[in-house]
Amino acid sequence: MLNKTILISILALAATPAFADPSSCYEPYPPAAVDGKTATESQMKHAMADVNDFIKASDDYQNCMNSEFIAMQKKAKQSKDKTPLDPSIQAMVQNKIDTNQKLKERVGAEFNTAVIAYKAAHPAN
């Protein structure tokens, strides 16, 4: 019975359109947080560039995920059997986007905290 269940699961996965080609949507890694109390001006500038790059890459990632999902919906509608897309795929895409958005917000907040600490430690700058 278990083998039959596994086989059915494998066949169902094989019949479902593949989700977003892994090479097409790259989830960015967040930059390391900087300690504004001890950072130099140069380190803060580099940290700001890293944060901006991460935010831009995150926006690109989220747009890519949305585009891939829309393409999958269109492909499912155009298929011979008109099989609707599994709703769990939309939930998975939205979860990945939401997780990335929260990370993006956290990285921005960490950098803002570092800027406040940097300014407190270096009042002349």
C-alpha atoms as a PDB file:
ATOM      1  CA  MET A   1       0.000   0.000   0.000  1.00  0.00           C
ATOM      2  CA  LEU A   2       2.790   2.408   0.926  1.00  0.00           C
ATOM      3  CA  ASN A   3       4.647   1.670  -2.325  1.00  0.00           C
ATOM      4  CA  LYS A   4       1.471   2.375  -4.293  1.00  0.00           C
ATOM      5  CA  THR A   5       1.043   5.714  -2.473  1.00  0.00           C
ATOM      6  CA  ILE A   6       4.634   6.682  -3.193  1.00  0.00           C
ATOM      7  CA  LEU A   7       4.262   5.733  -6.850  1.00  0.00           C
ATOM      8  CA  ILE A   8       1.073   7.786  -7.166  1.00  0.00           C
ATOM      9  CA  SER A   9       2.790  10.759  -5.522  1.00  0.00           C
ATOM     10  CA  ILE A  10       5.722  10.512  -7.913  1.00  0.00           C
ATOM     11  CA  LEU A  11       3.421  10.276 -10.917  1.00  0.00           C
ATOM     12  CA  ALA A  12       1.399  13.260  -9.726  1.00  0.00           C
ATOM     13  CA  LEU A  13       4.563  15.318  -9.366  1.00  0.00           C
ATOM     14  CA  ALA A  14       5.756  14.274 -12.794  1.00  0.00           C
ATOM     15  CA  ALA A  15       2.424  15.277 -14.328  1.00  0.00           C
ATOM     16  CA  THR A  16       2.434  18.689 -12.655  1.00  0.00           C
ATOM     17  CA  PRO A  17       4.216  21.413 -14.602  1.00  0.00           C
ATOM     18  CA  ALA A  18       7.620  22.079 -13.108  1.00  0.00           C
ATOM     19  CA  PHE A  19       7.786  25.143 -10.903  1.00  0.00           C
ATOM     20  CA  ALA A  20      10.011  28.002 -11.993  1.00  0.00           C
ATOM     21  CA  ASP A  21      13.202  26.847 -13.606  1.00  0.00           C
ATOM     22  CA  PRO A  22      15.723  27.021 -10.745  1.00  0.00           C
ATOM     23  CA  SER A  23      18.112  28.925 -12.974  1.00  0.00           C
ATOM     24  CA  SER A  24      15.596  31.670 -13.691  1.00  0.00           C
ATOM     25  CA  CYS A  25      14.807  33.053 -10.210  1.00  0.00           C
ATOM     26  CA  TYR A  26      17.705  33.537  -7.839  1.00  0.00           C
ATOM     27  CA  GLU A  27      16.909  34.247  -4.216  1.00  0.00           C
ATOM     28  CA  PRO A  28      19.464  36.774  -2.979  1.00  0.00           C
ATOM     29  CA  TYR A  29      21.459  36.363   0.204  1.00  0.00           C
ATOM     30  CA  PRO A  30      21.186  39.196   2.709  1.00  0.00           C
ATOM     31  CA  PRO A  31      24.321  41.174   3.505  1.00  0.00           C
ATOM     32  CA  ALA A  32      25.947  40.879   6.895  1.00  0.00           C
ATOM     33  CA  ALA A  33      24.751  43.461   9.389  1.00  0.00           C
ATOM     34  CA  VAL A  34      27.230  46.170  10.299  1.00  0.00           C
ATOM     35  CA  ASP A  35      27.832  47.517  13.802  1.00  0.00           C
ATOM     36  CA  GLY A  36      27.393  51.261  13.465  1.00  0.00           C
ATOM     37  CA  LYS A  37      29.119  51.932  16.799  1.00  0.00           C
ATOM     38  CA  THR A  38      32.417  50.508  15.587  1.00  0.00           C
ATOM     39  CA  ALA A  39      32.178  50.792  11.794  1.00  0.00           C
ATOM     40  CA  THR A  40      34.285  53.201   9.791  1.00  0.00           C
ATOM     41  CA  GLU A  41      32.799  55.598   7.263  1.00  0.00           C
ATOM     42  CA  SER A  42      34.074  53.353   4.480  1.00  0.00           C
ATOM     43  CA  GLN A  43      32.457  50.277   6.045  1.00  0.00           C
ATOM     44  CA  MET A  44      29.157  52.139   6.346  1.00  0.00           C
ATOM     45  CA  LYS A  45      29.302  53.171   2.674  1.00  0.00           C
ATOM     46  CA  HIS A  46      30.017  49.592   1.629  1.00  0.00           C
ATOM     47  CA  ALA A  47      27.234  48.332   3.885  1.00  0.00           C
ATOM     48  CA  MET A  48      24.814  50.810   2.324  1.00  0.00           C
ATOM     49  CA  ALA A  49      25.800  49.626  -1.167  1.00  0.00           C
ATOM     50  CA  ASP A  50      25.337  45.997  -0.079  1.00  0.00           C
ATOM     51  CA  VAL A  51      21.898  46.769   1.373  1.00  0.00           C
ATOM     52  CA  ASN A  52      20.828  48.619  -1.774  1.00  0.00           C
ATOM     53  CA  ASP A  53      22.083  45.745  -3.951  1.00  0.00           C
ATOM     54  CA  PHE A  54      20.201  43.239  -1.820  1.00  0.00           C
ATOM     55  CA  ILE A  55      16.973  45.234  -1.988  1.00  0.00           C
ATOM     56  CA  LYS A  56      17.268  45.543  -5.780  1.00  0.00           C
ATOM     57  CA  ALA A  57      18.043  41.824  -6.118  1.00  0.00           C
ATOM     58  CA  SER A  58      15.069  41.017  -3.872  1.00  0.00           C
ATOM     59  CA  ASP A  59      12.760  43.111  -6.038  1.00  0.00           C
ATOM     60  CA  ASP A  60      14.074  41.282  -9.115  1.00  0.00           C
ATOM     61  CA  TYR A  61      13.569  37.919  -7.383  1.00  0.00           C
ATOM     62  CA  GLN A  62       9.992  38.730  -6.401  1.00  0.00           C
ATOM     63  CA  ASN A  63       9.187  39.947  -9.917  1.00  0.00           C
ATOM     64  CA  CYS A  64      10.732  36.794 -11.375  1.00  0.00           C
ATOM     65  CA  MET A  65       8.687  34.571  -9.073  1.00  0.00           C
ATOM     66  CA  ASN A  66       5.500  36.394 -10.069  1.00  0.00           C
ATOM     67  CA  SER A  67       6.372  36.179 -13.764  1.00  0.00           C
ATOM     68  CA  GLU A  68       7.146  32.456 -13.530  1.00  0.00           C
ATOM     69  CA  PHE A  69       3.847  31.825 -11.751  1.00  0.00           C
ATOM     70  CA  ILE A  70       1.874  33.764 -14.366  1.00  0.00           C
ATOM     71  CA  ALA A  71       3.649  31.819 -17.112  1.00  0.00           C
ATOM     72  CA  MET A  72       2.740  28.553 -15.380  1.00  0.00           C
ATOM     73  CA  GLN A  73      -0.911  29.624 -15.168  1.00  0.00           C
ATOM     74  CA  LYS A  74      -0.970  30.446 -18.876  1.00  0.00           C
ATOM     75  CA  LYS A  75       0.703  27.149 -19.751  1.00  0.00           C
ATOM     76  CA  ALA A  76      -1.822  25.222 -17.656  1.00  0.00           C
ATOM     77  CA  LYS A  77      -4.734  27.005 -19.366  1.00  0.00           C
ATOM     78  CA  GLN A  78      -3.256  26.278 -22.794  1.00  0.00           C
ATOM     79  CA  SER A  79      -2.576  22.608 -22.087  1.00  0.00           C
ATOM     80  CA  LYS A  80      -4.578  19.982 -23.949  1.00  0.00           C
ATOM     81  CA  ASP A  81      -6.375  18.786 -20.840  1.00  0.00           C
ATOM     82  CA  LYS A  82      -6.860  22.310 -19.362  1.00  0.00           C
ATOM     83  CA  THR A  83      -5.789  21.008 -15.953  1.00  0.00           C
ATOM     84  CA  PRO A  84      -5.800  23.898 -13.511  1.00  0.00           C
ATOM     85  CA  LEU A  85      -2.608  24.704 -11.685  1.00  0.00           C
ATOM     86  CA  ASP A  86      -2.303  23.132  -8.260  1.00  0.00           C
ATOM     87  CA  PRO A  87      -3.317  25.827  -5.696  1.00  0.00           C
ATOM     88  CA  SER A  88      -0.418  24.811  -3.466  1.00  0.00           C
ATOM     89  CA  ILE A  89       1.966  26.228  -6.074  1.00  0.00           C
ATOM     90  CA  GLN A  90       0.460  29.687  -5.688  1.00  0.00           C
ATOM     91  CA  ALA A  91       0.718  29.376  -1.908  1.00  0.00           C
ATOM     92  CA  MET A  92       4.365  28.319  -2.223  1.00  0.00           C
ATOM     93  CA  VAL A  93       5.194  31.246  -4.523  1.00  0.00           C
ATOM     94  CA  GLN A  94       3.455  33.698  -2.213  1.00  0.00           C
ATOM     95  CA  ASN A  95       5.243  32.238   0.809  1.00  0.00           C
ATOM     96  CA  LYS A  96       8.633  32.672  -0.881  1.00  0.00           C
ATOM     97  CA  ILE A  97       7.789  36.256  -1.840  1.00  0.00           C
ATOM     98  CA  ASP A  98       6.500  37.074   1.659  1.00  0.00           C
ATOM     99  CA  THR A  99       9.583  35.544   3.289  1.00  0.00           C
ATOM    100  CA  ASN A 100      11.885  37.539   1.014  1.00  0.00           C
ATOM    101  CA  GLN A 101       9.915  40.743   1.694  1.00  0.00           C
ATOM    102  CA  LYS A 102      10.240  40.277   5.460  1.00  0.00           C
ATOM    103  CA  LEU A 103      13.966  39.672   5.043  1.00  0.00           C
ATOM    104  CA  LYS A 104      14.255  42.800   2.896  1.00  0.00           C
ATOM    105  CA  GLU A 105      12.494  44.827   5.600  1.00  0.00           C
ATOM    106  CA  ARG A 106      14.718  43.350   8.313  1.00  0.00           C
ATOM    107  CA  VAL A 107      17.904  44.173   6.379  1.00  0.00           C
ATOM    108  CA  GLY A 108      16.704  47.749   5.877  1.00  0.00           C
ATOM    109  CA  ALA A 109      15.809  48.139   9.549  1.00  0.00           C
ATOM    110  CA  GLU A 110      19.179  46.712  10.649  1.00  0.00           C
ATOM    111  CA  PHE A 111      21.004  49.165   8.422  1.00  0.00           C
ATOM    112  CA  ASN A 112      18.928  52.092   9.688  1.00  0.00           C
ATOM    113  CA  THR A 113      19.794  51.069  13.255  1.00  0.00           C
ATOM    114  CA  ALA A 114      23.474  50.929  12.268  1.00  0.00           C
ATOM    115  CA  VAL A 115      23.268  54.432  10.767  1.00  0.00           C
ATOM    116  CA  ILE A 116      21.758  55.797  13.985  1.00  0.00           C
ATOM    117  CA  ALA A 117      24.486  54.092  16.037  1.00  0.00           C
ATOM    118  CA  TYR A 118      27.180  55.368  13.645  1.00  0.00           C
ATOM    119  CA  LYS A 119      25.915  58.939  13.898  1.00  0.00           C
ATOM    120  CA  ALA A 120      25.791  58.689  17.701  1.00  0.00           C
ATOM    121  CA  ALA A 121      29.376  57.384  17.787  1.00  0.00           C
ATOM    122  CA  HIS A 122      30.612  59.948  15.233  1.00  0.00           C
ATOM    123  CA  PRO A 123      28.683  63.159  15.872  1.00  0.00           C
ATOM    124  CA  ALA A 124      30.896  65.220  13.516  1.00  0.00           C
ATOM    125  CA  ASN A 125      30.012  63.048  10.464  1.00  0.00           C
END
